[in-house]
Amino acid sequence: MKKAAVATSSTFGKERKRVARVAKVVRAQDPENVRDTNQPVEIAPGVSSKAKVRQPGRRGPQKLPTKVAVTVRYSPEVLDYFKASGDGWQTRMNDVLRRHVEEQKRHEQHRAA
């Protein structure tokens, strides 16, 4: 049995496009909104003229990489435990590991003192 094709654009996206089309028509009919297309567009002060424009639906680069992608193998019991807690299980797993690392650092400092 062949699956039906699924629409990729949401209703919200369609509505946004419709509103943009209407706004474009309204701006084009406004006699006070005349812009010479041969003139360069003015860029706001403090904005780089070489700034990359982010495409809609695309995430821009991270300012500071906060995490590192790795491949790790966990026992099924550990994985089942965290996945059973629902969405965000990887973040919760990271929090547990971070707390463990902080505790180990504190124990090492006490032993060294």
N, C-alpha and C. Protein backbone atom coordinates (compact mmCIF):
# COMPACT_ATOMS: atom_id res chain seq x y z
N MET A 1 0.84 -1.18 0.00
CA MET A 1 0.00 0.00 0.00
C MET A 1 0.89 1.25 0.00
N LYS A 2 0.62 2.15 -0.89
CA LYS A 2 1.41 3.35 -1.03
C LYS A 2 0.93 4.43 -0.07
N LYS A 3 1.90 5.09 0.59
CA LYS A 3 1.53 6.16 1.52
C LYS A 3 1.16 7.43 0.76
N ALA A 4 0.23 8.15 1.32
CA ALA A 4 -0.18 9.42 0.72
C ALA A 4 0.91 10.45 0.94
N ALA A 5 1.06 11.34 -0.02
CA ALA A 5 2.05 12.41 0.11
C ALA A 5 1.65 13.35 1.23
N VAL A 6 2.63 13.77 1.99
CA VAL A 6 2.37 14.66 3.12
C VAL A 6 2.83 16.06 2.73
N ALA A 7 1.98 17.03 2.98
CA ALA A 7 2.33 18.42 2.68
C ALA A 7 3.42 18.86 3.63
N THR A 8 4.43 19.54 3.11
CA THR A 8 5.55 19.95 3.95
C THR A 8 5.35 21.33 4.56
N SER A 9 4.51 22.15 3.98
CA SER A 9 4.32 23.49 4.54
C SER A 9 3.11 23.49 5.47
N SER A 10 3.25 24.22 6.55
CA SER A 10 2.18 24.27 7.54
C SER A 10 1.15 25.33 7.16
N THR A 11 0.03 25.29 7.82
CA THR A 11 -1.00 26.29 7.60
C THR A 11 -0.46 27.67 7.96
N PHE A 12 0.32 27.71 9.06
CA PHE A 12 0.91 28.98 9.47
C PHE A 12 1.81 29.53 8.37
N GLY A 13 2.62 28.67 7.75
CA GLY A 13 3.51 29.09 6.68
C GLY A 13 2.75 29.61 5.48
N LYS A 14 1.67 28.93 5.13
CA LYS A 14 0.85 29.37 4.00
C LYS A 14 0.23 30.73 4.28
N GLU A 15 -0.25 30.90 5.52
CA GLU A 15 -0.87 32.18 5.90
C GLU A 15 0.18 33.30 5.86
N ARG A 16 1.38 33.00 6.33
CA ARG A 16 2.44 34.01 6.33
C ARG A 16 2.78 34.43 4.90
N LYS A 17 2.84 33.45 3.99
CA LYS A 17 3.13 33.77 2.59
C LYS A 17 2.00 34.61 1.98
N ARG A 18 0.75 34.25 2.32
CA ARG A 18 -0.40 35.00 1.79
C ARG A 18 -0.35 36.44 2.26
N VAL A 19 -0.06 36.65 3.55
CA VAL A 19 0.01 38.00 4.10
C VAL A 19 1.15 38.79 3.45
N ALA A 20 2.27 38.13 3.20
CA ALA A 20 3.41 38.80 2.55
C ALA A 20 3.05 39.23 1.13
N ARG A 21 2.32 38.36 0.40
CA ARG A 21 1.91 38.72 -0.97
C ARG A 21 0.99 39.93 -0.96
N VAL A 22 0.02 39.93 -0.04
CA VAL A 22 -0.93 41.05 0.04
C VAL A 22 -0.18 42.33 0.40
N ALA A 23 0.74 42.24 1.38
CA ALA A 23 1.49 43.42 1.80
C ALA A 23 2.34 43.96 0.65
N LYS A 24 2.90 43.06 -0.16
CA LYS A 24 3.72 43.49 -1.29
C LYS A 24 2.88 44.26 -2.30
N VAL A 25 1.69 43.77 -2.56
CA VAL A 25 0.79 44.45 -3.50
C VAL A 25 0.40 45.83 -2.95
N VAL A 26 0.09 45.89 -1.66
CA VAL A 26 -0.30 47.16 -1.04
C VAL A 26 0.84 48.16 -1.11
N ARG A 27 2.08 47.70 -0.82
CA ARG A 27 3.24 48.59 -0.87
C ARG A 27 3.48 49.08 -2.30
N ALA A 28 3.27 48.20 -3.27
CA ALA A 28 3.51 48.57 -4.67
C ALA A 28 2.51 49.62 -5.14
N GLN A 29 1.30 49.62 -4.57
CA GLN A 29 0.27 50.57 -4.96
C GLN A 29 0.36 51.88 -4.18
N ASP A 30 1.18 51.93 -3.15
CA ASP A 30 1.31 53.13 -2.32
C ASP A 30 2.20 54.15 -3.05
N PRO A 31 1.64 55.32 -3.41
CA PRO A 31 2.45 56.31 -4.17
C PRO A 31 3.60 56.90 -3.35
N GLU A 32 3.50 56.86 -2.02
CA GLU A 32 4.57 57.41 -1.18
C GLU A 32 5.70 56.40 -0.97
N ASN A 33 5.49 55.18 -1.36
CA ASN A 33 6.48 54.14 -1.17
C ASN A 33 7.21 53.89 -2.49
N VAL A 34 7.90 54.91 -2.97
CA VAL A 34 8.61 54.81 -4.23
C VAL A 34 10.10 54.67 -3.91
N ARG A 35 10.70 53.62 -4.44
CA ARG A 35 12.12 53.40 -4.22
C ARG A 35 12.76 53.08 -5.55
N ASP A 36 13.84 53.79 -5.85
CA ASP A 36 14.57 53.53 -7.07
C ASP A 36 15.34 52.23 -6.90
N THR A 37 15.01 51.23 -7.70
CA THR A 37 15.65 49.92 -7.55
C THR A 37 17.11 49.94 -7.98
N ASN A 38 17.55 51.01 -8.61
CA ASN A 38 18.96 51.11 -9.01
C ASN A 38 19.82 51.64 -7.87
N GLN A 39 19.19 52.20 -6.85
CA GLN A 39 19.93 52.73 -5.71
C GLN A 39 20.16 51.62 -4.68
N PRO A 40 21.34 51.59 -4.04
CA PRO A 40 21.58 50.56 -3.03
C PRO A 40 20.68 50.77 -1.81
N VAL A 41 20.36 49.70 -1.15
CA VAL A 41 19.53 49.76 0.04
C VAL A 41 20.38 50.27 1.20
N GLU A 42 19.81 51.18 1.99
CA GLU A 42 20.54 51.70 3.14
C GLU A 42 20.60 50.64 4.23
N ILE A 43 21.78 50.48 4.81
CA ILE A 43 21.97 49.51 5.89
C ILE A 43 22.03 50.27 7.19
N ALA A 44 21.35 49.76 8.18
CA ALA A 44 21.31 50.42 9.49
C ALA A 44 22.71 50.52 10.06
N PRO A 45 22.99 51.60 10.82
CA PRO A 45 24.31 51.75 11.43
C PRO A 45 24.61 50.58 12.37
N GLY A 46 25.85 50.13 12.33
CA GLY A 46 26.25 49.03 13.20
C GLY A 46 26.02 47.66 12.61
N VAL A 47 25.41 47.61 11.42
CA VAL A 47 25.16 46.32 10.78
C VAL A 47 26.16 46.16 9.65
N SER A 48 26.84 45.06 9.64
CA SER A 48 27.85 44.80 8.62
C SER A 48 27.18 44.61 7.27
N SER A 49 27.78 45.19 6.25
CA SER A 49 27.22 45.02 4.91
C SER A 49 27.50 43.63 4.36
N LYS A 50 28.43 42.90 5.00
CA LYS A 50 28.75 41.56 4.54
C LYS A 50 28.07 40.49 5.39
N ALA A 51 27.12 40.90 6.22
CA ALA A 51 26.43 39.95 7.09
C ALA A 51 25.64 38.95 6.24
N LYS A 52 25.69 37.69 6.65
CA LYS A 52 24.94 36.67 5.93
C LYS A 52 23.49 36.73 6.34
N VAL A 53 22.61 36.59 5.38
CA VAL A 53 21.18 36.59 5.65
C VAL A 53 20.75 35.15 5.88
N ARG A 54 20.11 34.92 7.02
CA ARG A 54 19.66 33.58 7.37
C ARG A 54 18.39 33.28 6.61
N GLN A 55 18.34 32.12 5.99
CA GLN A 55 17.16 31.69 5.25
C GLN A 55 16.06 31.30 6.24
N PRO A 56 14.81 31.55 5.92
CA PRO A 56 13.72 31.16 6.82
C PRO A 56 13.76 29.66 7.09
N GLY A 57 13.62 29.31 8.35
CA GLY A 57 13.63 27.90 8.73
C GLY A 57 15.01 27.31 8.91
N ARG A 58 16.03 28.10 8.71
CA ARG A 58 17.41 27.63 8.87
C ARG A 58 18.01 28.27 10.11
N ARG A 59 18.73 27.47 10.87
CA ARG A 59 19.37 27.98 12.08
C ARG A 59 20.71 28.58 11.72
N GLY A 60 21.04 29.68 12.30
CA GLY A 60 22.32 30.32 12.06
C GLY A 60 23.42 29.62 12.84
N PRO A 61 24.67 30.02 12.61
CA PRO A 61 25.77 29.39 13.33
C PRO A 61 25.73 29.74 14.81
N GLN A 62 26.21 28.83 15.65
CA GLN A 62 26.26 29.09 17.08
C GLN A 62 27.30 30.15 17.35
N LYS A 63 27.00 31.04 18.30
CA LYS A 63 27.98 32.05 18.66
C LYS A 63 29.16 31.41 19.35
N LEU A 64 28.88 30.57 20.32
CA LEU A 64 29.92 29.82 21.02
C LEU A 64 29.50 28.36 21.04
N PRO A 65 30.30 27.48 20.47
CA PRO A 65 29.93 26.07 20.53
C PRO A 65 29.89 25.61 21.99
N THR A 66 28.73 25.16 22.43
CA THR A 66 28.58 24.81 23.83
C THR A 66 28.65 23.32 24.07
N LYS A 67 28.50 22.53 23.03
CA LYS A 67 28.52 21.08 23.18
C LYS A 67 29.31 20.46 22.04
N VAL A 68 29.75 19.22 22.26
CA VAL A 68 30.53 18.50 21.27
C VAL A 68 29.76 17.25 20.89
N ALA A 69 29.64 16.98 19.60
CA ALA A 69 28.95 15.79 19.14
C ALA A 69 29.87 14.58 19.26
N VAL A 70 29.39 13.54 19.92
CA VAL A 70 30.16 12.30 20.09
C VAL A 70 29.22 11.11 19.92
N THR A 71 29.81 9.95 19.71
CA THR A 71 29.05 8.71 19.67
C THR A 71 29.39 7.94 20.94
N VAL A 72 28.37 7.57 21.71
CA VAL A 72 28.56 6.89 22.99
C VAL A 72 27.64 5.68 23.04
N ARG A 73 28.08 4.62 23.69
CA ARG A 73 27.24 3.44 23.88
C ARG A 73 26.86 3.35 25.35
N TYR A 74 25.55 3.25 25.61
CA TYR A 74 25.04 3.11 26.97
C TYR A 74 24.35 1.76 27.10
N SER A 75 24.25 1.27 28.33
CA SER A 75 23.52 0.03 28.55
C SER A 75 22.05 0.29 28.30
N PRO A 76 21.30 -0.72 27.86
CA PRO A 76 19.88 -0.53 27.56
C PRO A 76 19.08 -0.01 28.76
N GLU A 77 19.45 -0.45 29.98
CA GLU A 77 18.71 0.00 31.17
C GLU A 77 18.85 1.50 31.38
N VAL A 78 20.06 2.01 31.19
CA VAL A 78 20.29 3.45 31.36
C VAL A 78 19.52 4.23 30.31
N LEU A 79 19.61 3.79 29.08
CA LEU A 79 18.93 4.48 27.98
C LEU A 79 17.42 4.44 28.16
N ASP A 80 16.88 3.27 28.53
CA ASP A 80 15.43 3.15 28.76
C ASP A 80 14.97 4.08 29.88
N TYR A 81 15.77 4.19 30.93
CA TYR A 81 15.41 5.04 32.07
C TYR A 81 15.25 6.49 31.61
N PHE A 82 16.23 7.01 30.89
CA PHE A 82 16.17 8.41 30.47
C PHE A 82 15.12 8.64 29.40
N LYS A 83 14.99 7.73 28.44
CA LYS A 83 13.99 7.89 27.38
C LYS A 83 12.57 7.83 27.93
N ALA A 84 12.36 7.05 29.01
CA ALA A 84 11.03 6.94 29.61
C ALA A 84 10.58 8.25 30.24
N SER A 85 11.52 9.14 30.51
CA SER A 85 11.17 10.42 31.12
C SER A 85 10.65 11.43 30.09
N GLY A 86 10.61 11.05 28.81
CA GLY A 86 10.01 11.90 27.78
C GLY A 86 11.02 12.75 27.03
N ASP A 87 10.47 13.72 26.29
CA ASP A 87 11.31 14.63 25.51
C ASP A 87 12.29 15.35 26.42
N GLY A 88 13.46 15.62 25.90
CA GLY A 88 14.49 16.30 26.67
C GLY A 88 15.36 15.34 27.46
N TRP A 89 15.27 14.04 27.15
CA TRP A 89 16.02 13.05 27.92
C TRP A 89 17.52 13.23 27.76
N GLN A 90 17.97 13.68 26.60
CA GLN A 90 19.41 13.87 26.40
C GLN A 90 19.92 15.04 27.26
N THR A 91 19.12 16.07 27.38
CA THR A 91 19.50 17.20 28.23
C THR A 91 19.56 16.76 29.68
N ARG A 92 18.57 15.96 30.12
CA ARG A 92 18.58 15.47 31.51
C ARG A 92 19.79 14.58 31.75
N MET A 93 20.12 13.75 30.78
CA MET A 93 21.30 12.89 30.92
C MET A 93 22.55 13.75 31.04
N ASN A 94 22.64 14.79 30.25
CA ASN A 94 23.78 15.70 30.31
C ASN A 94 23.86 16.37 31.68
N ASP A 95 22.71 16.78 32.24
CA ASP A 95 22.68 17.42 33.56
C ASP A 95 23.17 16.48 34.65
N VAL A 96 22.75 15.20 34.58
CA VAL A 96 23.19 14.21 35.57
C VAL A 96 24.70 14.02 35.48
N LEU A 97 25.21 13.89 34.28
CA LEU A 97 26.65 13.71 34.10
C LEU A 97 27.42 14.95 34.56
N ARG A 98 26.90 16.14 34.28
CA ARG A 98 27.56 17.37 34.70
C ARG A 98 27.63 17.46 36.22
N ARG A 99 26.52 17.12 36.91
CA ARG A 99 26.52 17.13 38.38
C ARG A 99 27.54 16.13 38.93
N HIS A 100 27.63 14.97 38.30
CA HIS A 100 28.60 13.96 38.74
C HIS A 100 30.03 14.50 38.60
N VAL A 101 30.32 15.14 37.49
CA VAL A 101 31.65 15.71 37.28
C VAL A 101 31.95 16.78 38.33
N GLU A 102 30.98 17.64 38.64
CA GLU A 102 31.19 18.68 39.65
C GLU A 102 31.47 18.07 41.03
N GLU A 103 30.73 17.00 41.38
CA GLU A 103 30.95 16.33 42.65
C GLU A 103 32.35 15.72 42.71
N GLN A 104 32.77 15.10 41.62
CA GLN A 104 34.10 14.50 41.58
C GLN A 104 35.19 15.55 41.74
N LYS A 105 35.00 16.71 41.13
CA LYS A 105 35.97 17.80 41.25
C LYS A 105 36.05 18.28 42.70
N ARG A 106 34.87 18.40 43.36
CA ARG A 106 34.87 18.83 44.76
C ARG A 106 35.59 17.82 45.64
N HIS A 107 35.38 16.52 45.42
CA HIS A 107 36.06 15.47 46.20
C HIS A 107 37.56 15.52 45.98
N GLU A 108 37.97 15.77 44.74
CA GLU A 108 39.40 15.86 44.45
C GLU A 108 40.04 17.05 45.15
N GLN A 109 39.32 18.16 45.22
CA GLN A 109 39.84 19.35 45.89
C GLN A 109 40.00 19.10 47.38
N HIS A 110 39.04 18.39 47.99
CA HIS A 110 39.12 18.10 49.42
C HIS A 110 40.26 17.15 49.72
N ARG A 111 40.50 16.18 48.85
CA ARG A 111 41.60 15.23 49.05
C ARG A 111 42.93 15.91 48.89
N ALA A 112 43.02 16.87 47.98
CA ALA A 112 44.28 17.56 47.74
C ALA A 112 44.61 18.54 48.86
N ALA A 113 43.62 19.02 49.58
CA ALA A 113 43.84 20.03 50.63
C ALA A 113 44.33 19.43 51.92
